[in-house]
Amino acid sequence: MSKTPGTSHTRITTKKQATNFIAITDLTSLYLCRIPRAP
């Protein structure tokens, strides 16, 4: 058993945050790519 029970929970939270961050950056990059194309 691990000595720190909060580690796995923190790891899950970090993974969720990373997924959210990637999704946000993906959307932002798509949005930014579309702006220069606009007249």
PDB file of N, CA and C in Angstrom:
ATOM      1  N   MET A   1       0.840  -1.193   0.000  1.00  0.00           N
ATOM      2  CA  MET A   1       0.000   0.000   0.000  1.00  0.00           C
ATOM      3  C   MET A   1       0.881   1.250   0.000  1.00  0.00           C
ATOM      4  N   SER A   2       0.435   2.261  -0.700  1.00  0.00           N
ATOM      5  CA  SER A   2       1.201   3.504  -0.732  1.00  0.00           C
ATOM      6  C   SER A   2       1.019   4.255   0.574  1.00  0.00           C
ATOM      7  N   LYS A   3       2.057   4.959   0.982  1.00  0.00           N
ATOM      8  CA  LYS A   3       1.994   5.681   2.254  1.00  0.00           C
ATOM      9  C   LYS A   3       1.124   6.928   2.125  1.00  0.00           C
ATOM     10  N   THR A   4       1.061   7.503   0.944  1.00  0.00           N
ATOM     11  CA  THR A   4       0.260   8.718   0.766  1.00  0.00           C
ATOM     12  C   THR A   4      -0.990   8.378  -0.034  1.00  0.00           C
ATOM     13  N   PRO A   5      -2.136   8.341   0.624  1.00  0.00           N
ATOM     14  CA  PRO A   5      -3.377   7.969  -0.055  1.00  0.00           C
ATOM     15  C   PRO A   5      -3.874   9.040  -1.023  1.00  0.00           C
ATOM     16  N   GLY A   6      -3.396  10.268  -0.884  1.00  0.00           N
ATOM     17  CA  GLY A   6      -3.891  11.351  -1.725  1.00  0.00           C
ATOM     18  C   GLY A   6      -3.186  11.427  -3.070  1.00  0.00           C
ATOM     19  N   THR A   7      -2.155  10.595  -3.272  1.00  0.00           N
ATOM     20  CA  THR A   7      -1.368  10.707  -4.498  1.00  0.00           C
ATOM     21  C   THR A   7      -2.186  10.323  -5.717  1.00  0.00           C
ATOM     22  N   SER A   8      -2.887   9.179  -5.632  1.00  0.00           N
ATOM     23  CA  SER A   8      -3.649   8.712  -6.786  1.00  0.00           C
ATOM     24  C   SER A   8      -4.737   9.712  -7.141  1.00  0.00           C
ATOM     25  N   HIS A   9      -5.376  10.278  -6.124  1.00  0.00           N
ATOM     26  CA  HIS A   9      -6.442  11.255  -6.377  1.00  0.00           C
ATOM     27  C   HIS A   9      -5.868  12.485  -7.073  1.00  0.00           C
ATOM     28  N   THR A  10      -4.704  12.927  -6.606  1.00  0.00           N
ATOM     29  CA  THR A  10      -4.074  14.103  -7.203  1.00  0.00           C
ATOM     30  C   THR A  10      -3.691  13.805  -8.646  1.00  0.00           C
ATOM     31  N   ARG A  11      -3.214  12.596  -8.881  1.00  0.00           N
ATOM     32  CA  ARG A  11      -2.794  12.224 -10.230  1.00  0.00           C
ATOM     33  C   ARG A  11      -4.000  12.265 -11.178  1.00  0.00           C
ATOM     34  N   ILE A  12      -5.136  11.760 -10.696  1.00  0.00           N
ATOM     35  CA  ILE A  12      -6.350  11.761 -11.518  1.00  0.00           C
ATOM     36  C   ILE A  12      -6.761  13.195 -11.829  1.00  0.00           C
ATOM     37  N   THR A  13      -6.704  14.056 -10.814  1.00  0.00           N
ATOM     38  CA  THR A  13      -7.098  15.453 -11.009  1.00  0.00           C
ATOM     39  C   THR A  13      -6.168  16.117 -12.022  1.00  0.00           C
ATOM     40  N   THR A  14      -4.877  15.830 -11.913  1.00  0.00           N
ATOM     41  CA  THR A  14      -3.918  16.434 -12.831  1.00  0.00           C
ATOM     42  C   THR A  14      -4.191  15.969 -14.252  1.00  0.00           C
ATOM     43  N   LYS A  15      -4.526  14.671 -14.384  1.00  0.00           N
ATOM     44  CA  LYS A  15      -4.806  14.137 -15.710  1.00  0.00           C
ATOM     45  C   LYS A  15      -6.031  14.829 -16.304  1.00  0.00           C
ATOM     46  N   LYS A  16      -7.039  15.056 -15.465  1.00  0.00           N
ATOM     47  CA  LYS A  16      -8.256  15.723 -15.931  1.00  0.00           C
ATOM     48  C   LYS A  16      -7.928  17.157 -16.345  1.00  0.00           C
ATOM     49  N   GLN A  17      -7.105  17.828 -15.541  1.00  0.00           N
ATOM     50  CA  GLN A  17      -6.725  19.207 -15.850  1.00  0.00           C
ATOM     51  C   GLN A  17      -5.933  19.253 -17.156  1.00  0.00           C
ATOM     52  N   ALA A  18      -5.062  18.284 -17.346  1.00  0.00           N
ATOM     53  CA  ALA A  18      -4.260  18.247 -18.563  1.00  0.00           C
ATOM     54  C   ALA A  18      -5.162  18.070 -19.779  1.00  0.00           C
ATOM     55  N   THR A  19      -6.170  17.180 -19.647  1.00  0.00           N
ATOM     56  CA  THR A  19      -7.095  16.956 -20.760  1.00  0.00           C
ATOM     57  C   THR A  19      -7.852  18.225 -21.077  1.00  0.00           C
ATOM     58  N   ASN A  20      -8.321  18.910 -20.030  1.00  0.00           N
ATOM     59  CA  ASN A  20      -9.041  20.169 -20.232  1.00  0.00           C
ATOM     60  C   ASN A  20      -8.135  21.192 -20.900  1.00  0.00           C
ATOM     61  N   PHE A  21      -6.890  21.270 -20.437  1.00  0.00           N
ATOM     62  CA  PHE A  21      -5.946  22.243 -20.988  1.00  0.00           C
ATOM     63  C   PHE A  21      -5.698  21.973 -22.471  1.00  0.00           C
ATOM     64  N   ILE A  22      -5.517  20.689 -22.804  1.00  0.00           N
ATOM     65  CA  ILE A  22      -5.274  20.320 -24.200  1.00  0.00           C
ATOM     66  C   ILE A  22      -6.482  20.677 -25.052  1.00  0.00           C
ATOM     67  N   ALA A  23      -7.679  20.403 -24.538  1.00  0.00           N
ATOM     68  CA  ALA A  23      -8.899  20.710 -25.286  1.00  0.00           C
ATOM     69  C   ALA A  23      -9.012  22.213 -25.513  1.00  0.00           C
ATOM     70  N   ILE A  24      -8.713  22.992 -24.475  1.00  0.00           N
ATOM     71  CA  ILE A  24      -8.807  24.452 -24.585  1.00  0.00           C
ATOM     72  C   ILE A  24      -7.784  24.975 -25.588  1.00  0.00           C
ATOM     73  N   THR A  25      -6.567  24.481 -25.514  1.00  0.00           N
ATOM     74  CA  THR A  25      -5.535  24.951 -26.442  1.00  0.00           C
ATOM     75  C   THR A  25      -5.887  24.548 -27.868  1.00  0.00           C
ATOM     76  N   ASP A  26      -6.486  23.352 -28.019  1.00  0.00           N
ATOM     77  CA  ASP A  26      -6.913  22.898 -29.338  1.00  0.00           C
ATOM     78  C   ASP A  26      -7.926  23.866 -29.923  1.00  0.00           C
ATOM     79  N   LEU A  27      -8.943  24.196 -29.122  1.00  0.00           N
ATOM     80  CA  LEU A  27      -9.988  25.114 -29.587  1.00  0.00           C
ATOM     81  C   LEU A  27      -9.395  26.484 -29.886  1.00  0.00           C
ATOM     82  N   THR A  28      -8.498  26.937 -29.010  1.00  0.00           N
ATOM     83  CA  THR A  28      -7.906  28.265 -29.197  1.00  0.00           C
ATOM     84  C   THR A  28      -7.090  28.310 -30.488  1.00  0.00           C
ATOM     85  N   SER A  29      -6.313  27.265 -30.740  1.00  0.00           N
ATOM     86  CA  SER A  29      -5.494  27.249 -31.949  1.00  0.00           C
ATOM     87  C   SER A  29      -6.378  27.227 -33.191  1.00  0.00           C
ATOM     88  N   LEU A  30      -7.463  26.447 -33.134  1.00  0.00           N
ATOM     89  CA  LEU A  30      -8.394  26.418 -34.262  1.00  0.00           C
ATOM     90  C   LEU A  30      -8.979  27.804 -34.489  1.00  0.00           C
ATOM     91  N   TYR A  31      -9.378  28.442 -33.410  1.00  0.00           N
ATOM     92  CA  TYR A  31      -9.979  29.773 -33.479  1.00  0.00           C
ATOM     93  C   TYR A  31      -8.976  30.776 -34.053  1.00  0.00           C
ATOM     94  N   LEU A  32      -7.749  30.717 -33.551  1.00  0.00           N
ATOM     95  CA  LEU A  32      -6.725  31.655 -34.011  1.00  0.00           C
ATOM     96  C   LEU A  32      -6.375  31.405 -35.475  1.00  0.00           C
ATOM     97  N   CYS A  33      -6.442  30.154 -35.901  1.00  0.00           N
ATOM     98  CA  CYS A  33      -6.136  29.841 -37.295  1.00  0.00           C
ATOM     99  C   CYS A  33      -7.214  30.404 -38.211  1.00  0.00           C
ATOM    100  N   ARG A  34      -8.430  30.488 -37.702  1.00  0.00           N
ATOM    101  CA  ARG A  34      -9.538  30.956 -38.535  1.00  0.00           C
ATOM    102  C   ARG A  34      -9.550  32.482 -38.650  1.00  0.00           C
ATOM    103  N   ILE A  35      -9.066  33.182 -37.640  1.00  0.00           N
ATOM    104  CA  ILE A  35      -9.147  34.649 -37.637  1.00  0.00           C
ATOM    105  C   ILE A  35      -8.423  35.277 -38.840  1.00  0.00           C
ATOM    106  N   PRO A  36      -7.164  34.916 -39.139  1.00  0.00           N
ATOM    107  CA  PRO A  36      -6.462  35.560 -40.255  1.00  0.00           C
ATOM    108  C   PRO A  36      -7.160  35.326 -41.595  1.00  0.00           C
ATOM    109  N   ARG A  37      -7.921  34.231 -41.720  1.00  0.00           N
ATOM    110  CA  ARG A  37      -8.594  33.916 -42.975  1.00  0.00           C
ATOM    111  C   ARG A  37      -9.771  34.861 -43.210  1.00  0.00           C
ATOM    112  N   ALA A  38     -10.295  35.424 -42.111  1.00  0.00           N
ATOM    113  CA  ALA A  38     -11.461  36.308 -42.246  1.00  0.00           C
ATOM    114  C   ALA A  38     -11.066  37.593 -42.973  1.00  0.00           C
ATOM    115  N   PRO A  39     -11.930  38.107 -43.798  1.00  0.00           N
ATOM    116  CA  PRO A  39     -11.637  39.328 -44.562  1.00  0.00           C
ATOM    117  C   PRO A  39     -11.595  40.556 -43.667  1.00  0.00           C
TER     118      PRO A  39
END
